Amino acid sequence: MDTAFTNGSAGTVTNIIDGLSSGLVITNSAGTAFGIHASATGDKGLNIVFRSAPTAMMPSSPASASGVFYGFKWAGNHTNELATMQTDGRLSWDDTTHLPARFSGAMSIFYDPPSGPGGNTDATYIGCYVTRVQTVIEFR
């Protein structure tokens, strides 16, 4: 979305992520382009459920990343705004219930700069950097 998204005090938005990066993508980089009402806490606000991991990928450091697996993307650097929403209970995600062990607990809020490994995106994500799983075939 390229204008603005604001979730009201009684509203809940739940994004289900099934193996492919998806969810809310805010293309407007303004600080007012995304918001969750201050009273939308508890079971309200934005909740991201990572239900399955991408095929043949694993979490990685930025240095070895070949992409980003995410459930939320916002143009520009908005780590502070999202961290405040998470601390206040208006923003949450579940990356432990459904994901395999290698992805369990790997999701976070991070900024990928224009020269970053996420594909020069200049965006803030809730997700993780990923790299391809190397397949080894041994012949005997």
Protein backbone atom coordinates (compact mmCIF):
# COMPACT_ATOMS: atom_id res chain seq x y z
CA MET A 1 0.00 0.00 0.00
CA ASP A 2 1.32 3.43 -0.86
CA THR A 3 -0.79 5.83 1.18
CA ALA A 4 -1.32 5.01 4.85
CA PHE A 5 -2.59 2.21 7.09
CA THR A 6 -3.83 2.79 10.61
CA ASN A 7 -5.34 0.07 12.76
CA GLY A 8 -7.97 1.32 15.22
CA SER A 9 -8.17 0.69 18.96
CA ALA A 10 -10.50 -2.31 18.67
CA GLY A 11 -9.12 -3.81 15.48
CA THR A 12 -6.95 -6.85 14.92
CA VAL A 13 -5.02 -7.75 11.80
CA THR A 14 -3.47 -11.22 11.63
CA ASN A 15 -1.08 -12.10 8.81
CA ILE A 16 -0.53 -15.81 8.17
CA ILE A 17 2.81 -16.43 6.46
CA ASP A 18 3.03 -19.82 4.71
CA GLY A 19 6.55 -20.23 3.40
CA LEU A 20 6.68 -17.18 1.13
CA SER A 21 7.36 -13.58 2.08
CA SER A 22 4.02 -11.80 2.27
CA GLY A 23 1.85 -9.75 4.59
CA LEU A 24 1.60 -5.98 4.80
CA VAL A 25 3.96 -4.15 2.45
CA ILE A 26 3.99 -0.40 3.08
CA THR A 27 5.65 1.30 0.09
CA ASN A 28 5.25 4.82 1.52
CA SER A 29 8.37 5.60 3.59
CA ALA A 30 6.73 8.36 5.66
CA GLY A 31 6.67 7.79 9.41
CA THR A 32 2.90 8.30 9.36
CA ALA A 33 2.29 5.68 6.64
CA PHE A 34 1.70 2.90 9.18
CA GLY A 35 0.20 3.06 12.63
CA ILE A 36 -1.54 1.02 15.30
CA HIS A 37 -3.71 2.90 17.78
CA ALA A 38 -2.05 3.24 21.20
CA SER A 39 -4.89 1.39 22.96
CA ALA A 40 -4.73 -1.64 20.62
CA THR A 41 -2.88 -3.93 23.02
CA GLY A 42 -3.29 -7.52 24.14
CA ASP A 43 -5.05 -9.46 21.40
CA LYS A 44 -5.47 -6.33 19.28
CA GLY A 45 -3.17 -4.61 16.80
CA LEU A 46 -1.03 -6.53 14.30
CA ASN A 47 -0.13 -10.18 14.80
CA ILE A 48 2.06 -12.09 12.34
CA VAL A 49 1.96 -15.89 12.40
CA PHE A 50 4.83 -17.60 10.59
CA ARG A 51 3.18 -20.93 9.78
CA SER A 52 5.83 -22.47 7.51
CA ALA A 53 9.37 -21.69 6.42
CA PRO A 54 10.60 -21.13 2.88
CA THR A 55 11.70 -24.29 1.07
CA ALA A 56 15.45 -24.93 0.76
CA MET A 57 16.32 -21.83 2.79
CA MET A 58 17.74 -21.22 6.25
CA PRO A 59 18.21 -18.12 8.43
CA SER A 60 21.54 -16.39 7.95
CA SER A 61 23.60 -13.41 8.96
CA PRO A 62 23.43 -10.34 6.72
CA ALA A 63 26.93 -11.15 5.43
CA SER A 64 25.88 -14.51 3.96
CA ALA A 65 22.27 -13.65 3.03
CA SER A 66 20.78 -14.13 -0.40
CA GLY A 67 17.39 -12.67 0.47
CA VAL A 68 14.80 -11.83 3.14
CA PHE A 69 11.92 -13.95 4.48
CA TYR A 70 9.35 -11.60 5.97
CA GLY A 71 5.81 -11.09 7.19
CA PHE A 72 5.94 -7.27 7.18
CA LYS A 73 7.85 -4.74 5.07
CA TRP A 74 7.90 -0.93 5.33
CA ALA A 75 9.94 1.32 3.02
CA GLY A 76 12.66 3.24 4.85
CA ASN A 77 14.16 2.79 8.31
CA HIS A 78 11.38 2.39 10.88
CA THR A 79 13.00 0.06 13.41
CA ASN A 80 12.33 2.45 16.31
CA GLU A 81 8.63 2.90 15.48
CA LEU A 82 8.07 -0.85 15.16
CA ALA A 83 10.09 -1.65 18.29
CA THR A 84 7.90 0.78 20.25
CA MET A 85 4.75 -0.91 18.93
CA GLN A 86 6.16 -4.31 19.90
CA THR A 87 7.13 -3.14 23.39
CA ASP A 88 3.66 -1.62 23.89
CA GLY A 89 1.98 -4.90 22.86
CA ARG A 90 0.46 -3.48 19.68
CA LEU A 91 2.68 -5.59 17.40
CA SER A 92 3.55 -9.26 17.85
CA TRP A 93 4.61 -12.32 15.91
CA ASP A 94 4.78 -16.06 16.44
CA ASP A 95 7.87 -17.67 14.99
CA THR A 96 8.10 -20.61 17.40
CA THR A 97 4.81 -22.57 17.24
CA HIS A 98 4.84 -23.72 13.61
CA LEU A 99 8.34 -23.19 12.19
CA PRO A 100 11.09 -25.83 12.09
CA ALA A 101 13.86 -25.56 14.69
CA ARG A 102 16.26 -23.69 12.40
CA PHE A 103 13.72 -20.84 12.03
CA SER A 104 12.28 -20.92 15.56
CA GLY A 105 12.91 -17.55 17.19
CA ALA A 106 14.80 -16.18 14.16
CA MET A 107 12.36 -13.38 13.28
CA SER A 108 13.09 -9.82 14.37
CA ILE A 109 12.66 -6.20 13.37
CA PHE A 110 15.55 -5.10 11.17
CA TYR A 111 16.46 -2.54 8.54
CA ASP A 112 17.98 -3.57 5.20
CA PRO A 113 19.82 -0.54 3.75
CA PRO A 114 19.98 0.32 0.05
CA SER A 115 23.31 -1.49 -0.19
CA GLY A 116 22.14 -4.39 2.01
CA PRO A 117 21.95 -8.10 1.23
CA GLY A 118 18.16 -8.08 0.97
CA GLY A 119 18.27 -6.86 -2.60
CA ASN A 120 18.90 -3.12 -2.14
CA THR A 121 15.48 -2.64 -0.63
CA ASP A 122 15.92 0.28 1.82
CA ALA A 123 13.15 -1.21 3.97
CA THR A 124 12.37 -2.31 7.52
CA TYR A 125 11.23 -5.90 7.98
CA ILE A 126 9.76 -8.27 10.49
CA GLY A 127 11.45 -11.45 9.39
CA CYS A 128 15.01 -12.67 8.87
CA TYR A 129 17.79 -12.81 6.33
CA VAL A 130 17.96 -16.17 4.55
CA THR A 131 20.35 -18.13 2.39
CA ARG A 132 19.96 -21.27 0.31
CA VAL A 133 20.54 -24.60 2.01
CA GLN A 134 23.50 -26.28 0.39
CA THR A 135 22.78 -29.81 -0.80
CA VAL A 136 25.60 -32.28 -0.46
CA ILE A 137 25.52 -35.54 -2.38
CA GLU A 138 28.05 -38.14 -1.38
CA PHE A 139 28.86 -41.04 -3.67
CA ARG A 140 30.49 -44.17 -2.28
